[in-house]
Amino acid sequence: TGVPGWGAVRGRERDWDIVFEQALDYTVATGGSAIHCMAGTVPTEQRPAAERTFIANLTRAADLAREKNVTLLIEPINTRDRPNYFLNRVEQAADIIAKVGKPNVRIQFDFYHVQIVSGDLITRFEKHLPLIGDVQIAAVPSRAEPDEGEINYPGVFAALDRLGWKGWTACEYKPRARTEDGLGWGRLYGLNARQD
């Protein structure tokens, strides 16, 4: 739909429930284990009510998802790419998770967004590691392959190994050319791209 979620949008709780239940059905049918629950865009003056809405929506959804062994992921997203997006900081996500109080709600830690919003990537990752359920990567500022820009991904990957990260590390970037051509950066880490 192009809408960045309904999770924190007051007055759209019914839309949230419908879309979440459909996502849960699809996730279970395909053998998935997690759902990215997007907060949506919220004007600044509506943020206190939006937080209460997001917590209530996540609480209901977490109970439904727990029955299916599914984790909910919430992702802090920078406001340069998504103006007025409700969830922007890792600390904000951790606070919401604490208020929801459900073990199957976790942070989707996107190094691209975290760098743009607040930096100090490895320290923030380590501090919030017990709450992290998924990792994403992309170059900053280009959002291309993670072999350029201001993030030292070799250092990040070494830290993920050192800290014992066992979950997924997803590539959420915009390839500079063909996807296959851009996967060369990953050979050092055991990623083998098929070359035609």
Foldseek 3Di string as FASTA:
>chain_A
DPFQACLLPPPCLVVLVVVLVVVLVVCLVVVHAEDEHFLTADDPVCLVSSLVSNLVSVLVSLVVSVVSNHAYEYEAAACVVPPRRRHHEPVVLVVSCVSSVHQRYAYAAEVQRHCVRPDPPLVSCLVRVSRHAHYEYAAPPQQEHPPDHDDPVVVVVVSCVVSVPDHYYYYDGDYPDDPLVRCPVCVVVVDDRDDD
